[in-house]
N, C-alpha and C. Protein backbone atom coordinates (compact mmCIF):
# COMPACT_ATOMS: atom_id res chain seq x y z
N MET A 1 120.53 114.61 112.00
CA MET A 1 119.39 114.76 111.12
C MET A 1 118.48 115.85 111.66
N ALA A 2 118.00 116.68 110.79
CA ALA A 2 117.10 117.76 111.19
C ALA A 2 115.74 117.18 111.54
N LYS A 3 114.98 117.94 112.30
CA LYS A 3 113.63 117.50 112.64
C LYS A 3 112.80 117.35 111.38
N LYS A 4 111.96 116.35 111.36
CA LYS A 4 111.12 116.12 110.18
C LYS A 4 110.15 117.28 109.98
N SER A 5 109.76 117.95 111.05
CA SER A 5 108.84 119.07 110.94
C SER A 5 109.51 120.25 110.22
N GLN A 6 110.80 120.45 110.48
CA GLN A 6 111.51 121.54 109.81
C GLN A 6 111.67 121.25 108.32
N ILE A 7 111.96 120.01 108.00
CA ILE A 7 112.11 119.61 106.60
C ILE A 7 110.77 119.76 105.88
N ALA A 8 109.69 119.32 106.53
CA ALA A 8 108.36 119.41 105.93
C ALA A 8 107.94 120.87 105.74
N ARG A 9 108.26 121.71 106.71
CA ARG A 9 107.92 123.13 106.62
C ARG A 9 108.64 123.78 105.44
N ASN A 10 109.89 123.40 105.24
CA ASN A 10 110.66 123.96 104.13
C ASN A 10 110.10 123.48 102.79
N GLU A 11 109.68 122.23 102.72
CA GLU A 11 109.08 121.71 101.49
C GLU A 11 107.77 122.44 101.18
N LYS A 12 107.01 122.74 102.22
CA LYS A 12 105.76 123.48 102.05
C LYS A 12 106.05 124.89 101.50
N ARG A 13 107.12 125.50 102.00
CA ARG A 13 107.51 126.82 101.50
C ARG A 13 107.90 126.75 100.02
N LYS A 14 108.63 125.71 99.63
CA LYS A 14 109.03 125.56 98.24
C LYS A 14 107.81 125.45 97.33
N ARG A 15 106.81 124.68 97.77
CA ARG A 15 105.59 124.53 96.98
C ARG A 15 104.86 125.87 96.86
N MET A 16 104.82 126.64 97.95
CA MET A 16 104.13 127.92 97.94
C MET A 16 104.85 128.93 97.05
N VAL A 17 106.16 128.90 97.04
CA VAL A 17 106.94 129.79 96.17
C VAL A 17 106.61 129.49 94.71
N GLU A 18 106.56 128.20 94.35
CA GLU A 18 106.22 127.82 92.98
C GLU A 18 104.81 128.27 92.61
N LYS A 19 103.89 128.12 93.56
CA LYS A 19 102.49 128.47 93.31
C LYS A 19 102.32 129.96 93.01
N TYR A 20 103.03 130.81 93.75
CA TYR A 20 102.85 132.25 93.63
C TYR A 20 103.91 132.93 92.75
N ALA A 21 104.78 132.18 92.12
CA ALA A 21 105.88 132.78 91.36
C ALA A 21 105.39 133.69 90.24
N ALA A 22 104.43 133.23 89.46
CA ALA A 22 103.92 134.02 88.34
C ALA A 22 103.21 135.29 88.84
N LYS A 23 102.43 135.13 89.91
CA LYS A 23 101.70 136.27 90.46
C LYS A 23 102.67 137.31 91.03
N ARG A 24 103.71 136.84 91.73
CA ARG A 24 104.72 137.76 92.28
C ARG A 24 105.41 138.52 91.17
N ALA A 25 105.76 137.82 90.09
CA ALA A 25 106.45 138.46 88.98
C ALA A 25 105.57 139.52 88.33
N ALA A 26 104.28 139.21 88.17
CA ALA A 26 103.35 140.17 87.56
C ALA A 26 103.19 141.41 88.45
N LEU A 27 103.06 141.20 89.75
CA LEU A 27 102.89 142.33 90.67
C LEU A 27 104.15 143.19 90.73
N LYS A 28 105.31 142.55 90.68
CA LYS A 28 106.56 143.32 90.68
C LYS A 28 106.70 144.12 89.41
N GLU A 29 106.32 143.52 88.29
CA GLU A 29 106.40 144.20 87.00
C GLU A 29 105.51 145.43 86.97
N SER A 30 104.30 145.30 87.54
CA SER A 30 103.37 146.43 87.54
C SER A 30 103.69 147.45 88.63
N GLY A 31 104.50 147.06 89.60
CA GLY A 31 104.87 147.98 90.67
C GLY A 31 103.83 148.08 91.77
N ASP A 32 102.95 147.10 91.86
CA ASP A 32 101.89 147.10 92.87
C ASP A 32 102.42 146.45 94.16
N TYR A 33 103.14 147.24 94.95
CA TYR A 33 103.78 146.70 96.15
C TYR A 33 102.80 146.47 97.28
N ALA A 34 101.66 147.14 97.25
CA ALA A 34 100.64 146.91 98.29
C ALA A 34 100.05 145.51 98.12
N ALA A 35 99.75 145.12 96.90
CA ALA A 35 99.22 143.78 96.64
C ALA A 35 100.30 142.73 96.88
N LEU A 36 101.52 143.07 96.61
CA LEU A 36 102.64 142.15 96.83
C LEU A 36 102.79 141.87 98.33
N ALA A 37 102.56 142.88 99.14
CA ALA A 37 102.66 142.72 100.60
C ALA A 37 101.53 141.87 101.16
N ARG A 38 100.42 141.77 100.44
CA ARG A 38 99.29 140.97 100.90
C ARG A 38 99.45 139.48 100.60
N LEU A 39 100.44 139.13 99.78
CA LEU A 39 100.70 137.71 99.51
C LEU A 39 101.21 137.04 100.79
N PRO A 40 101.08 135.74 100.90
CA PRO A 40 101.58 135.06 102.09
C PRO A 40 103.10 135.24 102.25
N LYS A 41 103.55 135.32 103.49
CA LYS A 41 104.97 135.52 103.75
C LYS A 41 105.80 134.38 103.17
N ASN A 42 105.30 133.16 103.28
CA ASN A 42 106.07 132.01 102.81
C ASN A 42 106.09 131.90 101.29
N ALA A 43 105.43 132.80 100.59
CA ALA A 43 105.47 132.80 99.12
C ALA A 43 106.72 133.50 98.61
N SER A 44 107.46 134.12 99.52
CA SER A 44 108.69 134.80 99.13
C SER A 44 109.82 133.78 99.01
N PRO A 45 110.56 133.79 97.90
CA PRO A 45 111.64 132.82 97.73
C PRO A 45 112.77 132.96 98.74
N VAL A 46 112.87 134.10 99.40
CA VAL A 46 113.93 134.32 100.38
C VAL A 46 113.74 133.44 101.61
N ARG A 47 112.51 133.02 101.87
CA ARG A 47 112.25 132.24 103.07
C ARG A 47 112.58 130.76 102.94
N VAL A 48 112.87 130.31 101.74
CA VAL A 48 113.25 128.91 101.54
C VAL A 48 114.70 128.74 101.99
N VAL A 49 114.95 127.71 102.79
CA VAL A 49 116.27 127.45 103.36
C VAL A 49 116.94 126.33 102.58
N ASN A 50 118.22 126.51 102.23
CA ASN A 50 118.97 125.43 101.60
C ASN A 50 119.25 124.36 102.65
N ARG A 51 118.87 123.12 102.34
CA ARG A 51 119.09 122.02 103.27
C ARG A 51 119.74 120.85 102.57
N CYS A 52 120.51 120.08 103.33
CA CYS A 52 121.18 118.88 102.82
C CYS A 52 120.11 117.90 102.34
N SER A 53 120.34 117.30 101.17
CA SER A 53 119.35 116.37 100.62
C SER A 53 119.29 115.08 101.40
N GLU A 54 120.34 114.73 102.14
CA GLU A 54 120.36 113.48 102.90
C GLU A 54 119.89 113.66 104.33
N THR A 55 120.44 114.65 105.03
CA THR A 55 120.17 114.79 106.46
C THR A 55 119.21 115.92 106.79
N GLY A 56 119.05 116.87 105.90
CA GLY A 56 118.19 118.01 106.19
C GLY A 56 118.90 119.11 106.94
N ARG A 57 120.21 118.96 107.17
CA ARG A 57 120.98 119.96 107.90
C ARG A 57 121.04 121.25 107.09
N SER A 58 120.87 122.39 107.77
CA SER A 58 120.85 123.68 107.08
C SER A 58 122.18 124.41 107.13
N HIS A 59 122.97 124.16 108.15
CA HIS A 59 124.26 124.84 108.27
C HIS A 59 125.34 124.04 107.55
N GLY A 60 126.32 124.72 107.03
CA GLY A 60 127.42 124.06 106.34
C GLY A 60 126.97 123.43 105.03
N PHE A 61 126.02 124.07 104.36
CA PHE A 61 125.46 123.55 103.12
C PHE A 61 126.36 123.90 101.95
N MET A 62 126.67 122.92 101.11
CA MET A 62 127.49 123.13 99.92
C MET A 62 126.58 123.10 98.71
N ARG A 63 126.39 124.26 98.12
CA ARG A 63 125.42 124.45 97.04
C ARG A 63 125.71 123.58 95.81
N ASP A 64 126.98 123.43 95.48
CA ASP A 64 127.35 122.69 94.28
C ASP A 64 126.97 121.21 94.36
N PHE A 65 126.93 120.68 95.58
CA PHE A 65 126.69 119.25 95.75
C PHE A 65 125.35 118.96 96.42
N ASP A 66 124.66 119.96 96.89
CA ASP A 66 123.38 119.82 97.59
C ASP A 66 123.52 118.95 98.84
N LEU A 67 124.68 119.07 99.50
CA LEU A 67 124.97 118.30 100.70
C LEU A 67 125.55 119.21 101.78
N SER A 68 125.44 118.75 103.04
CA SER A 68 126.10 119.47 104.12
C SER A 68 127.58 119.10 104.10
N ARG A 69 128.38 119.84 104.81
CA ARG A 69 129.83 119.61 104.82
C ARG A 69 130.17 118.23 105.37
N ILE A 70 129.37 117.75 106.30
CA ILE A 70 129.63 116.46 106.93
C ILE A 70 129.36 115.33 105.93
N GLU A 71 128.22 115.38 105.26
CA GLU A 71 127.88 114.37 104.26
C GLU A 71 128.84 114.43 103.09
N PHE A 72 129.23 115.65 102.70
CA PHE A 72 130.18 115.80 101.61
C PHE A 72 131.50 115.11 101.95
N ARG A 73 131.99 115.31 103.16
CA ARG A 73 133.26 114.72 103.58
C ARG A 73 133.18 113.20 103.59
N GLU A 74 132.08 112.66 104.12
CA GLU A 74 131.92 111.21 104.18
C GLU A 74 131.89 110.61 102.77
N ARG A 75 131.15 111.24 101.88
CA ARG A 75 131.04 110.72 100.52
C ARG A 75 132.35 110.88 99.75
N ALA A 76 133.06 111.97 100.00
CA ALA A 76 134.34 112.18 99.33
C ALA A 76 135.35 111.11 99.77
N HIS A 77 135.35 110.78 101.05
CA HIS A 77 136.25 109.75 101.56
C HIS A 77 135.91 108.38 100.97
N GLU A 78 134.64 108.13 100.73
CA GLU A 78 134.22 106.85 100.16
C GLU A 78 134.40 106.82 98.64
N GLY A 79 134.69 107.98 98.05
CA GLY A 79 134.89 108.04 96.60
C GLY A 79 133.59 108.07 95.83
N LEU A 80 132.51 108.55 96.44
CA LEU A 80 131.20 108.56 95.80
C LEU A 80 130.92 109.83 95.01
N ILE A 81 131.79 110.84 95.14
CA ILE A 81 131.60 112.09 94.41
C ILE A 81 132.65 112.14 93.29
N PRO A 82 132.23 112.09 92.04
CA PRO A 82 133.19 112.09 90.94
C PRO A 82 134.02 113.37 90.90
N GLY A 83 135.32 113.20 90.67
CA GLY A 83 136.22 114.34 90.53
C GLY A 83 136.72 114.91 91.84
N ILE A 84 136.31 114.37 92.96
CA ILE A 84 136.74 114.87 94.27
C ILE A 84 137.63 113.81 94.91
N LYS A 85 138.82 114.25 95.36
CA LYS A 85 139.67 113.34 96.11
C LYS A 85 140.33 114.14 97.23
N LYS A 86 140.74 113.43 98.25
CA LYS A 86 141.37 114.08 99.39
C LYS A 86 142.75 114.56 98.99
N SER A 87 143.04 115.81 99.30
CA SER A 87 144.34 116.35 98.93
C SER A 87 145.35 116.07 100.05
N SER A 88 146.58 115.87 99.66
CA SER A 88 147.64 115.73 100.65
C SER A 88 148.92 116.29 100.01
N TRP A 89 149.76 116.86 100.81
CA TRP A 89 151.00 117.44 100.29
C TRP A 89 152.10 117.30 101.29
């Protein structure tokens, strides 16, 4: 499990991105890059990290399922993900 502080920091970034989204779009449209640079760094959507919804793990993240590879494997073995089954040949 990731540190709670890292998860909280990422949630704070998500809120800040939502808050400044309209302003960023307007500044980009007008081409005012000086004002865009004065916005907070965490208002940039690039700074938001994809994290597992269960554990908060950032590495091995599977975008389609919003889970890390470890959680995905455990749930697939338990049959909790519809349409996914272990392959064997």
